[in-house]
């Protein structure tokens, strides 16, 4: 069970890093990232990411310290219908980046 929680944490962290990279490459200066894991958001927002021994969490901290504004927000899993919709639209494309210029 602990291993599964750690894997999910790593997946969420990696997804945020990849999202931050993409936003930076697109030239955005303000980014908001929503996540349904309150503990994860707390780790990032309270400065614990900078001292984490988890590499991908340290990467999030480094990306956040660039010349832009990054905001993390906790969204309840049950009310995050947008994520569910986008996830369902991307089914079958799990090993590639899916960009929605005009989300469904």
PDB file of N, CA and C in Angstrom:
ATOM      1  N   UNK A   1       0.818  -1.190   0.000  1.00  0.00           N
ATOM      2  CA  UNK A   1       0.000   0.000   0.000  1.00  0.00           C
ATOM      3  C   UNK A   1       0.870   1.265   0.000  1.00  0.00           C
ATOM      4  N   UNK A   2       1.920   1.273   0.818  1.00  0.00           N
ATOM      5  CA  UNK A   2       2.815   2.431   0.886  1.00  0.00           C
ATOM      6  C   UNK A   2       3.503   2.634  -0.462  1.00  0.00           C
ATOM      7  N   UNK A   3       3.896   1.536  -1.107  1.00  0.00           N
ATOM      8  CA  UNK A   3       4.552   1.635  -2.405  1.00  0.00           C
ATOM      9  C   UNK A   3       3.599   2.247  -3.430  1.00  0.00           C
ATOM     10  N   UNK A   4       2.346   1.856  -3.393  1.00  0.00           N
ATOM     11  CA  UNK A   4       1.338   2.382  -4.318  1.00  0.00           C
ATOM     12  C   UNK A   4       1.150   3.893  -4.107  1.00  0.00           C
ATOM     13  N   UNK A   5       1.084   4.331  -2.858  1.00  0.00           N
ATOM     14  CA  UNK A   5       0.936   5.763  -2.558  1.00  0.00           C
ATOM     15  C   UNK A   5       2.142   6.528  -3.084  1.00  0.00           C
ATOM     16  N   UNK A   6       3.325   5.974  -2.899  1.00  0.00           N
ATOM     17  CA  UNK A   6       4.544   6.625  -3.388  1.00  0.00           C
ATOM     18  C   UNK A   6       4.541   6.727  -4.911  1.00  0.00           C
ATOM     19  N   UNK A   7       4.060   5.682  -5.583  1.00  0.00           N
ATOM     20  CA  UNK A   7       3.988   5.706  -7.047  1.00  0.00           C
ATOM     21  C   UNK A   7       3.018   6.779  -7.530  1.00  0.00           C
ATOM     22  N   UNK A   8       1.857   6.868  -6.887  1.00  0.00           N
ATOM     23  CA  UNK A   8       0.870   7.885  -7.259  1.00  0.00           C
ATOM     24  C   UNK A   8       1.447   9.276  -7.040  1.00  0.00           C
ATOM     25  N   UNK A   9       2.141   9.477  -5.929  1.00  0.00           N
ATOM     26  CA  UNK A   9       2.779  10.758  -5.631  1.00  0.00           C
ATOM     27  C   UNK A   9       3.772  11.119  -6.731  1.00  0.00           C
ATOM     28  N   UNK A  10       4.589  10.162  -7.134  1.00  0.00           N
ATOM     29  CA  UNK A  10       5.596  10.392  -8.183  1.00  0.00           C
ATOM     30  C   UNK A  10       4.923  10.749  -9.510  1.00  0.00           C
ATOM     31  N   UNK A  11       3.825  10.071  -9.822  1.00  0.00           N
ATOM     32  CA  UNK A  11       3.111  10.331 -11.071  1.00  0.00           C
ATOM     33  C   UNK A  11       2.540  11.750 -11.065  1.00  0.00           C
ATOM     34  N   UNK A  12       1.920  12.142  -9.956  1.00  0.00           N
ATOM     35  CA  UNK A  12       1.364  13.499  -9.860  1.00  0.00           C
ATOM     36  C   UNK A  12       2.473  14.542  -9.973  1.00  0.00           C
ATOM     37  N   UNK A  13       3.574  14.306  -9.308  1.00  0.00           N
ATOM     38  CA  UNK A  13       4.690  15.247  -9.347  1.00  0.00           C
ATOM     39  C   UNK A  13       5.260  15.352 -10.757  1.00  0.00           C
ATOM     40  N   UNK A  14       5.416  14.234 -11.422  1.00  0.00           N
ATOM     41  CA  UNK A  14       5.955  14.236 -12.787  1.00  0.00           C
ATOM     42  C   UNK A  14       5.002  14.975 -13.734  1.00  0.00           C
ATOM     43  N   UNK A  15       3.704  14.776 -13.561  1.00  0.00           N
ATOM     44  CA  UNK A  15       2.717  15.459 -14.400  1.00  0.00           C
ATOM     45  C   UNK A  15       2.810  16.977 -14.206  1.00  0.00           C
ATOM     46  N   UNK A  16       3.002  17.413 -12.981  1.00  0.00           N
ATOM     47  CA  UNK A  16       3.127  18.849 -12.711  1.00  0.00           C
ATOM     48  C   UNK A  16       4.402  19.399 -13.329  1.00  0.00           C
ATOM     49  N   UNK A  17       5.509  18.682 -13.206  1.00  0.00           N
ATOM     50  CA  UNK A  17       6.765  19.126 -13.814  1.00  0.00           C
ATOM     51  C   UNK A  17       6.600  19.264 -15.326  1.00  0.00           C
ATOM     52  N   UNK A  18       6.006  18.272 -15.957  1.00  0.00           N
ATOM     53  CA  UNK A  18       5.833  18.322 -17.410  1.00  0.00           C
ATOM     54  C   UNK A  18       4.906  19.467 -17.809  1.00  0.00           C
ATOM     55  N   UNK A  19       3.870  19.715 -17.019  1.00  0.00           N
ATOM     56  CA  UNK A  19       2.976  20.832 -17.284  1.00  0.00           C
ATOM     57  C   UNK A  19       3.680  22.168 -17.145  1.00  0.00           C
ATOM     58  N   UNK A  20       4.518  22.295 -16.123  1.00  0.00           N
ATOM     59  CA  UNK A  20       5.286  23.528 -15.932  1.00  0.00           C
ATOM     60  C   UNK A  20       6.263  23.750 -17.087  1.00  0.00           C
ATOM     61  N   UNK A  21       6.930  22.694 -17.516  1.00  0.00           N
ATOM     62  CA  UNK A  21       7.859  22.798 -18.649  1.00  0.00           C
ATOM     63  C   UNK A  21       7.126  23.295 -19.893  1.00  0.00           C
ATOM     64  N   UNK A  22       5.983  22.694 -20.156  1.00  0.00           N
ATOM     65  CA  UNK A  22       5.213  23.064 -21.338  1.00  0.00           C
ATOM     66  C   UNK A  22       4.752  24.516 -21.262  1.00  0.00           C
ATOM     67  N   UNK A  23       4.254  24.930 -20.104  1.00  0.00           N
ATOM     68  CA  UNK A  23       3.803  26.313 -19.937  1.00  0.00           C
ATOM     69  C   UNK A  23       4.966  27.285 -20.138  1.00  0.00           C
ATOM     70  N   UNK A  24       6.137  26.936 -19.613  1.00  0.00           N
ATOM     71  CA  UNK A  24       7.318  27.790 -19.763  1.00  0.00           C
ATOM     72  C   UNK A  24       7.710  27.905 -21.240  1.00  0.00           C
ATOM     73  N   UNK A  25       7.730  26.773 -21.937  1.00  0.00           N
ATOM     74  CA  UNK A  25       8.101  26.779 -23.355  1.00  0.00           C
ATOM     75  C   UNK A  25       7.096  27.556 -24.204  1.00  0.00           C
ATOM     76  N   UNK A  26       5.853  27.586 -23.781  1.00  0.00           N
ATOM     77  CA  UNK A  26       4.814  28.339 -24.500  1.00  0.00           C
ATOM     78  C   UNK A  26       4.860  29.828 -24.154  1.00  0.00           C
ATOM     79  N   UNK A  27       5.676  30.194 -23.154  1.00  0.00           N
ATOM     80  CA  UNK A  27       5.859  31.595 -22.820  1.00  0.00           C
ATOM     81  C   UNK A  27       4.870  32.171 -21.820  1.00  0.00           C
ATOM     82  N   UNK A  28       4.151  31.329 -21.121  1.00  0.00           N
ATOM     83  CA  UNK A  28       3.202  31.824 -20.129  1.00  0.00           C
ATOM     84  C   UNK A  28       3.949  32.428 -18.938  1.00  0.00           C
ATOM     85  N   UNK A  29       3.414  33.507 -18.393  1.00  0.00           N
ATOM     86  CA  UNK A  29       4.031  34.161 -17.240  1.00  0.00           C
ATOM     87  C   UNK A  29       3.235  33.961 -15.962  1.00  0.00           C
ATOM     88  N   UNK A  30       2.026  33.437 -16.083  1.00  0.00           N
ATOM     89  CA  UNK A  30       1.203  33.101 -14.920  1.00  0.00           C
ATOM     90  C   UNK A  30       0.574  31.740 -15.180  1.00  0.00           C
ATOM     91  N   UNK A  31       0.749  30.834 -14.227  1.00  0.00           N
ATOM     92  CA  UNK A  31       0.250  29.468 -14.375  1.00  0.00           C
ATOM     93  C   UNK A  31      -0.454  29.055 -13.097  1.00  0.00           C
ATOM     94  N   UNK A  32      -1.573  28.387 -13.245  1.00  0.00           N
ATOM     95  CA  UNK A  32      -2.261  27.805 -12.099  1.00  0.00           C
ATOM     96  C   UNK A  32      -2.375  26.309 -12.331  1.00  0.00           C
ATOM     97  N   UNK A  33      -1.961  25.539 -11.348  1.00  0.00           N
ATOM     98  CA  UNK A  33      -2.023  24.083 -11.417  1.00  0.00           C
ATOM     99  C   UNK A  33      -2.985  23.585 -10.350  1.00  0.00           C
ATOM    100  N   UNK A  34      -3.965  22.816 -10.764  1.00  0.00           N
ATOM    101  CA  UNK A  34      -4.944  22.249  -9.841  1.00  0.00           C
ATOM    102  C   UNK A  34      -4.592  20.798  -9.551  1.00  0.00           C
ATOM    103  N   UNK A  35      -4.780  20.391  -8.307  1.00  0.00           N
ATOM    104  CA  UNK A  35      -4.481  19.021  -7.904  1.00  0.00           C
ATOM    105  C   UNK A  35      -5.476  18.599  -6.835  1.00  0.00           C
ATOM    106  N   UNK A  36      -5.852  17.326  -6.863  1.00  0.00           N
ATOM    107  CA  UNK A  36      -6.823  16.833  -5.885  1.00  0.00           C
ATOM    108  C   UNK A  36      -6.167  16.267  -4.627  1.00  0.00           C
ATOM    109  N   UNK A  37      -4.867  16.416  -4.502  1.00  0.00           N
ATOM    110  CA  UNK A  37      -4.132  15.881  -3.348  1.00  0.00           C
ATOM    111  C   UNK A  37      -3.670  17.046  -2.460  1.00  0.00           C
ATOM    112  N   UNK A  38      -4.409  17.284  -1.386  1.00  0.00           N
ATOM    113  CA  UNK A  38      -4.124  18.419  -0.496  1.00  0.00           C
ATOM    114  C   UNK A  38      -2.734  18.318   0.125  1.00  0.00           C
ATOM    115  N   UNK A  39      -2.304  17.116   0.487  1.00  0.00           N
ATOM    116  CA  UNK A  39      -0.989  16.949   1.094  1.00  0.00           C
ATOM    117  C   UNK A  39       0.115  17.313   0.091  1.00  0.00           C
ATOM    118  N   UNK A  40      -0.066  16.914  -1.141  1.00  0.00           N
ATOM    119  CA  UNK A  40       0.898  17.220  -2.188  1.00  0.00           C
ATOM    120  C   UNK A  40       1.017  18.737  -2.374  1.00  0.00           C
ATOM    121  N   UNK A  41      -0.117  19.417  -2.455  1.00  0.00           N
ATOM    122  CA  UNK A  41      -0.123  20.875  -2.599  1.00  0.00           C
ATOM    123  C   UNK A  41       0.541  21.531  -1.391  1.00  0.00           C
ATOM    124  N   UNK A  42       0.278  21.014  -0.205  1.00  0.00           N
ATOM    125  CA  UNK A  42       0.873  21.556   1.014  1.00  0.00           C
ATOM    126  C   UNK A  42       2.397  21.438   0.983  1.00  0.00           C
ATOM    127  N   UNK A  43       2.902  20.311   0.531  1.00  0.00           N
ATOM    128  CA  UNK A  43       4.352  20.095   0.446  1.00  0.00           C
ATOM    129  C   UNK A  43       4.988  21.128  -0.484  1.00  0.00           C
ATOM    130  N   UNK A  44       4.341  21.368  -1.610  1.00  0.00           N
ATOM    131  CA  UNK A  44       4.885  22.303  -2.589  1.00  0.00           C
ATOM    132  C   UNK A  44       4.771  23.750  -2.095  1.00  0.00           C
ATOM    133  N   UNK A  45       3.607  24.112  -1.577  1.00  0.00           N
ATOM    134  CA  UNK A  45       3.356  25.515  -1.217  1.00  0.00           C
ATOM    135  C   UNK A  45       4.034  25.957   0.071  1.00  0.00           C
ATOM    136  N   UNK A  46       4.359  25.048   0.955  1.00  0.00           N
ATOM    137  CA  UNK A  46       4.955  25.424   2.234  1.00  0.00           C
ATOM    138  C   UNK A  46       6.473  25.304   2.260  1.00  0.00           C
ATOM    139  N   UNK A  47       7.084  25.268   1.102  1.00  0.00           N
ATOM    140  CA  UNK A  47       8.534  25.292   1.032  1.00  0.00           C
ATOM    141  C   UNK A  47       9.213  23.955   1.281  1.00  0.00           C
ATOM    142  N   UNK A  48       8.440  22.910   1.509  1.00  0.00           N
ATOM    143  CA  UNK A  48       9.056  21.606   1.761  1.00  0.00           C
ATOM    144  C   UNK A  48       9.656  21.006   0.495  1.00  0.00           C
ATOM    145  N   UNK A  49       9.195  21.475  -0.659  1.00  0.00           N
ATOM    146  CA  UNK A  49       9.735  20.960  -1.917  1.00  0.00           C
ATOM    147  C   UNK A  49      11.214  21.287  -2.056  1.00  0.00           C
ATOM    148  N   UNK A  50      11.629  22.418  -1.513  1.00  0.00           N
ATOM    149  CA  UNK A  50      13.023  22.834  -1.658  1.00  0.00           C
ATOM    150  C   UNK A  50      13.982  21.953  -0.867  1.00  0.00           C
ATOM    151  N   UNK A  51      13.484  21.268   0.149  1.00  0.00           N
ATOM    152  CA  UNK A  51      14.353  20.406   0.960  1.00  0.00           C
ATOM    153  C   UNK A  51      14.020  18.937   0.786  1.00  0.00           C
ATOM    154  N   UNK A  52      13.153  18.628  -0.166  1.00  0.00           N
ATOM    155  CA  UNK A  52      12.737  17.247  -0.375  1.00  0.00           C
ATOM    156  C   UNK A  52      13.885  16.418  -0.938  1.00  0.00           C
ATOM    157  N   UNK A  53      13.910  15.147  -0.567  1.00  0.00           N
ATOM    158  CA  UNK A  53      14.896  14.236  -1.140  1.00  0.00           C
ATOM    159  C   UNK A  53      14.311  13.495  -2.339  1.00  0.00           C
ATOM    160  N   UNK A  54      13.093  13.856  -2.726  1.00  0.00           N
ATOM    161  CA  UNK A  54      12.469  13.282  -3.910  1.00  0.00           C
ATOM    162  C   UNK A  54      12.806  14.195  -5.083  1.00  0.00           C
ATOM    163  N   UNK A  55      13.554  13.694  -6.017  1.00  0.00           N
ATOM    164  CA  UNK A  55      14.095  14.484  -7.116  1.00  0.00           C
ATOM    165  C   UNK A  55      13.024  15.268  -7.860  1.00  0.00           C
ATOM    166  N   UNK A  56      11.924  14.619  -8.195  1.00  0.00           N
ATOM    167  CA  UNK A  56      10.900  15.275  -9.002  1.00  0.00           C
ATOM    168  C   UNK A  56      10.236  16.417  -8.223  1.00  0.00           C
ATOM    169  N   UNK A  57      10.155  16.314  -6.917  1.00  0.00           N
ATOM    170  CA  UNK A  57       9.596  17.399  -6.106  1.00  0.00           C
ATOM    171  C   UNK A  57      10.564  18.587  -6.099  1.00  0.00           C
ATOM    172  N   UNK A  58      11.838  18.316  -6.049  1.00  0.00           N
ATOM    173  CA  UNK A  58      12.841  19.395  -6.147  1.00  0.00           C
ATOM    174  C   UNK A  58      12.761  20.082  -7.512  1.00  0.00           C
ATOM    175  N   UNK A  59      12.458  19.314  -8.554  1.00  0.00           N
ATOM    176  CA  UNK A  59      12.300  19.905  -9.880  1.00  0.00           C
ATOM    177  C   UNK A  59      11.128  20.886  -9.909  1.00  0.00           C
ATOM    178  N   UNK A  60      10.042  20.541  -9.242  1.00  0.00           N
ATOM    179  CA  UNK A  60       8.892  21.442  -9.165  1.00  0.00           C
ATOM    180  C   UNK A  60       9.332  22.756  -8.529  1.00  0.00           C
ATOM    181  N   UNK A  61      10.069  22.654  -7.440  1.00  0.00           N
ATOM    182  CA  UNK A  61      10.563  23.853  -6.744  1.00  0.00           C
ATOM    183  C   UNK A  61      11.417  24.704  -7.685  1.00  0.00           C
ATOM    184  N   UNK A  62      12.306  24.077  -8.438  1.00  0.00           N
ATOM    185  CA  UNK A  62      13.167  24.820  -9.362  1.00  0.00           C
ATOM    186  C   UNK A  62      12.360  25.508 -10.456  1.00  0.00           C
ATOM    187  N   UNK A  63      11.365  24.824 -11.002  1.00  0.00           N
ATOM    188  CA  UNK A  63      10.531  25.421 -12.036  1.00  0.00           C
ATOM    189  C   UNK A  63       9.724  26.586 -11.479  1.00  0.00           C
ATOM    190  N   UNK A  64       9.263  26.475 -10.256  1.00  0.00           N
ATOM    191  CA  UNK A  64       8.465  27.544  -9.642  1.00  0.00           C
ATOM    192  C   UNK A  64       9.294  28.791  -9.373  1.00  0.00           C
ATOM    193  N   UNK A  65      10.599  28.638  -9.212  1.00  0.00           N
ATOM    194  CA  UNK A  65      11.467  29.767  -8.911  1.00  0.00           C
ATOM    195  C   UNK A  65      11.941  30.532 -10.141  1.00  0.00           C
ATOM    196  N   UNK A  66      11.456  30.156 -11.310  1.00  0.00           N
ATOM    197  CA  UNK A  66      11.795  30.914 -12.510  1.00  0.00           C
ATOM    198  C   UNK A  66      11.049  32.250 -12.496  1.00  0.00           C
ATOM    199  N   UNK A  67      11.290  33.061 -13.492  1.00  0.00           N
ATOM    200  CA  UNK A  67      10.709  34.403 -13.557  1.00  0.00           C
ATOM    201  C   UNK A  67       9.264  34.343 -14.071  1.00  0.00           C
ATOM    202  N   UNK A  68       8.365  33.858 -13.224  1.00  0.00           N
ATOM    203  CA  UNK A  68       6.950  33.781 -13.529  1.00  0.00           C
ATOM    204  C   UNK A  68       6.173  33.517 -12.261  1.00  0.00           C
ATOM    205  N   UNK A  69       4.871  33.574 -12.348  1.00  0.00           N
ATOM    206  CA  UNK A  69       4.019  33.351 -11.186  1.00  0.00           C
ATOM    207  C   UNK A  69       3.323  31.994 -11.342  1.00  0.00           C
ATOM    208  N   UNK A  70       3.560  31.122 -10.371  1.00  0.00           N
ATOM    209  CA  UNK A  70       2.939  29.795 -10.378  1.00  0.00           C
ATOM    210  C   UNK A  70       2.097  29.660  -9.119  1.00  0.00           C
ATOM    211  N   UNK A  71       0.874  29.254  -9.308  1.00  0.00           N
ATOM    212  CA  UNK A  71      -0.054  29.074  -8.190  1.00  0.00           C
ATOM    213  C   UNK A  71      -0.571  27.640  -8.214  1.00  0.00           C
ATOM    214  N   UNK A  72      -0.596  27.025  -7.044  1.00  0.00           N
ATOM    215  CA  UNK A  72      -1.147  25.676  -6.905  1.00  0.00           C
ATOM    216  C   UNK A  72      -2.441  25.767  -6.116  1.00  0.00           C
ATOM    217  N   UNK A  73      -3.437  25.024  -6.569  1.00  0.00           N
ATOM    218  CA  UNK A  73      -4.733  25.082  -5.919  1.00  0.00           C
ATOM    219  C   UNK A  73      -5.262  23.667  -5.725  1.00  0.00           C
ATOM    220  N   UNK A  74      -5.804  23.431  -4.517  1.00  0.00           N
ATOM    221  CA  UNK A  74      -6.422  22.138  -4.224  1.00  0.00           C
ATOM    222  C   UNK A  74      -7.850  22.136  -4.755  1.00  0.00           C
ATOM    223  N   UNK A  75      -8.182  21.095  -5.503  1.00  0.00           N
ATOM    224  CA  UNK A  75      -9.529  20.921  -6.039  1.00  0.00           C
ATOM    225  C   UNK A  75     -10.031  19.563  -5.564  1.00  0.00           C
ATOM    226  N   UNK A  76     -11.218  19.545  -5.006  1.00  0.00           N
ATOM    227  CA  UNK A  76     -11.775  18.270  -4.537  1.00  0.00           C
ATOM    228  C   UNK A  76     -11.932  17.304  -5.704  1.00  0.00           C
ATOM    229  N   UNK A  77     -11.547  16.069  -5.486  1.00  0.00           N
ATOM    230  CA  UNK A  77     -11.575  15.058  -6.541  1.00  0.00           C
ATOM    231  C   UNK A  77     -12.971  14.913  -7.148  1.00  0.00           C
ATOM    232  N   UNK A  78     -13.990  14.888  -6.314  1.00  0.00           N
ATOM    233  CA  UNK A  78     -15.355  14.692  -6.801  1.00  0.00           C
ATOM    234  C   UNK A  78     -15.892  15.845  -7.624  1.00  0.00           C
ATOM    235  N   UNK A  79     -15.350  17.027  -7.427  1.00  0.00           N
ATOM    236  CA  UNK A  79     -15.848  18.190  -8.162  1.00  0.00           C
ATOM    237  C   UNK A  79     -14.935  18.593  -9.309  1.00  0.00           C
ATOM    238  N   UNK A  80     -13.949  17.797  -9.606  1.00  0.00           N
ATOM    239  CA  UNK A  80     -13.002  18.115 -10.668  1.00  0.00           C
ATOM    240  C   UNK A  80     -13.458  17.479 -11.983  1.00  0.00           C
ATOM    241  N   UNK A  81     -14.600  17.909 -12.466  1.00  0.00           N
ATOM    242  CA  UNK A  81     -15.199  17.329 -13.669  1.00  0.00           C
ATOM    243  C   UNK A  81     -14.388  17.640 -14.924  1.00  0.00           C
ATOM    244  N   UNK A  82     -13.715  18.781 -14.930  1.00  0.00           N
ATOM    245  CA  UNK A  82     -12.904  19.135 -16.090  1.00  0.00           C
ATOM    246  C   UNK A  82     -11.794  18.109 -16.305  1.00  0.00           C
ATOM    247  N   UNK A  83     -11.111  17.743 -15.244  1.00  0.00           N
ATOM    248  CA  UNK A  83     -10.042  16.751 -15.352  1.00  0.00           C
ATOM    249  C   UNK A  83     -10.579  15.428 -15.861  1.00  0.00           C
ATOM    250  N   UNK A  84     -11.730  15.013 -15.334  1.00  0.00           N
ATOM    251  CA  UNK A  84     -12.339  13.769 -15.798  1.00  0.00           C
ATOM    252  C   UNK A  84     -12.661  13.832 -17.285  1.00  0.00           C
ATOM    253  N   UNK A  85     -13.218  14.951 -17.721  1.00  0.00           N
ATOM    254  CA  UNK A  85     -13.580  15.126 -19.124  1.00  0.00           C
ATOM    255  C   UNK A  85     -12.348  15.078 -20.025  1.00  0.00           C
ATOM    256  N   UNK A  86     -11.315  15.807 -19.650  1.00  0.00           N
ATOM    257  CA  UNK A  86     -10.092  15.827 -20.453  1.00  0.00           C
ATOM    258  C   UNK A  86      -9.402  14.464 -20.453  1.00  0.00           C
ATOM    259  N   UNK A  87      -9.407  13.818 -19.287  1.00  0.00           N
ATOM    260  CA  UNK A  87      -8.819  12.479 -19.198  1.00  0.00           C
ATOM    261  C   UNK A  87      -9.533  11.486 -20.090  1.00  0.00           C
ATOM    262  N   UNK A  88     -10.856  11.538 -20.091  1.00  0.00           N
ATOM    263  CA  UNK A  88     -11.630  10.637 -20.942  1.00  0.00           C
ATOM    264  C   UNK A  88     -11.397  10.927 -22.418  1.00  0.00           C
ATOM    265  N   UNK A  89     -11.233  12.197 -22.765  1.00  0.00           N
ATOM    266  CA  UNK A  89     -10.986  12.568 -24.158  1.00  0.00           C
ATOM    267  C   UNK A  89      -9.618  12.085 -24.634  1.00  0.00           C
ATOM    268  N   UNK A  90      -8.687  11.912 -23.712  1.00  0.00           N
ATOM    269  CA  UNK A  90      -7.325  11.510 -24.071  1.00  0.00           C
ATOM    270  C   UNK A  90      -7.098  10.007 -23.972  1.00  0.00           C
ATOM    271  N   UNK A  91      -8.127   9.244 -23.605  1.00  0.00           N
ATOM    272  CA  UNK A  91      -7.974   7.783 -23.476  1.00  0.00           C
ATOM    273  C   UNK A  91      -7.450   7.226 -24.796  1.00  0.00           C
ATOM    274  N   UNK A  92      -6.494   6.335 -24.675  1.00  0.00           N
ATOM    275  CA  UNK A  92      -5.864   5.755 -25.855  1.00  0.00           C
ATOM    276  C   UNK A  92      -4.571   6.463 -26.219  1.00  0.00           C
ATOM    277  N   UNK A  93      -4.306   7.577 -25.589  1.00  0.00           N
ATOM    278  CA  UNK A  93      -3.090   8.344 -25.862  1.00  0.00           C
ATOM    279  C   UNK A  93      -2.233   8.452 -24.607  1.00  0.00           C
ATOM    280  N   UNK A  94      -2.186   7.394 -23.815  1.00  0.00           N
ATOM    281  CA  UNK A  94      -1.541   7.464 -22.510  1.00  0.00           C
ATOM    282  C   UNK A  94      -0.035   7.616 -22.562  1.00  0.00           C
ATOM    283  N   UNK A  95       0.585   7.272 -23.677  1.00  0.00           N
ATOM    284  CA  UNK A  95       2.036   7.369 -23.755  1.00  0.00           C
ATOM    285  C   UNK A  95       2.498   8.576 -24.552  1.00  0.00           C
ATOM    286  N   UNK A  96       1.623   9.536 -24.722  1.00  0.00           N
ATOM    287  CA  UNK A  96       2.005  10.736 -25.455  1.00  0.00           C
ATOM    288  C   UNK A  96       1.337  11.956 -24.861  1.00  0.00           C
ATOM    289  N   UNK A  97       1.886  13.090 -25.160  1.00  0.00           N
ATOM    290  CA  UNK A  97       1.340  14.349 -24.680  1.00  0.00           C
ATOM    291  C   UNK A  97       0.128  14.707 -25.527  1.00  0.00           C
ATOM    292  N   UNK A  98      -0.960  15.041 -24.864  1.00  0.00           N
ATOM    293  CA  UNK A  98      -2.176  15.457 -25.561  1.00  0.00           C
ATOM    294  C   UNK A  98      -2.444  16.908 -25.196  1.00  0.00           C
ATOM    295  N   UNK A  99      -2.463  17.780 -26.202  1.00  0.00           N
ATOM    296  CA  UNK A  99      -2.738  19.189 -25.991  1.00  0.00           C
ATOM    297  C   UNK A  99      -4.105  19.514 -26.571  1.00  0.00           C
ATOM    298  N   UNK A 100      -4.903  20.216 -25.782  1.00  0.00           N
ATOM    299  CA  UNK A 100      -6.208  20.650 -26.238  1.00  0.00           C
ATOM    300  C   UNK A 100      -6.143  22.153 -26.463  1.00  0.00           C
ATOM    301  N   UNK A 101      -6.148  22.592 -27.713  1.00  0.00           N
ATOM    302  CA  UNK A 101      -6.189  24.020 -27.973  1.00  0.00           C
ATOM    303  C   UNK A 101      -7.611  24.548 -27.799  1.00  0.00           C
ATOM    304  N   UNK A 102      -8.585  23.708 -28.109  1.00  0.00           N
ATOM    305  CA  UNK A 102      -9.996  24.014 -27.884  1.00  0.00           C
ATOM    306  C   UNK A 102     -10.592  22.845 -27.117  1.00  0.00           C
ATOM    307  N   UNK A 103     -10.480  22.871 -25.773  1.00  0.00           N
ATOM    308  CA  UNK A 103     -10.957  21.732 -24.966  1.00  0.00           C
ATOM    309  C   UNK A 103     -12.412  21.411 -25.238  1.00  0.00           C
ATOM    310  N   UNK A 104     -12.773  20.108 -25.169  1.00  0.00           N
ATOM    311  CA  UNK A 104     -14.170  19.704 -25.383  1.00  0.00           C
ATOM    312  C   UNK A 104     -15.090  20.262 -24.317  1.00  0.00           C
TER     313      UNK A 104
END
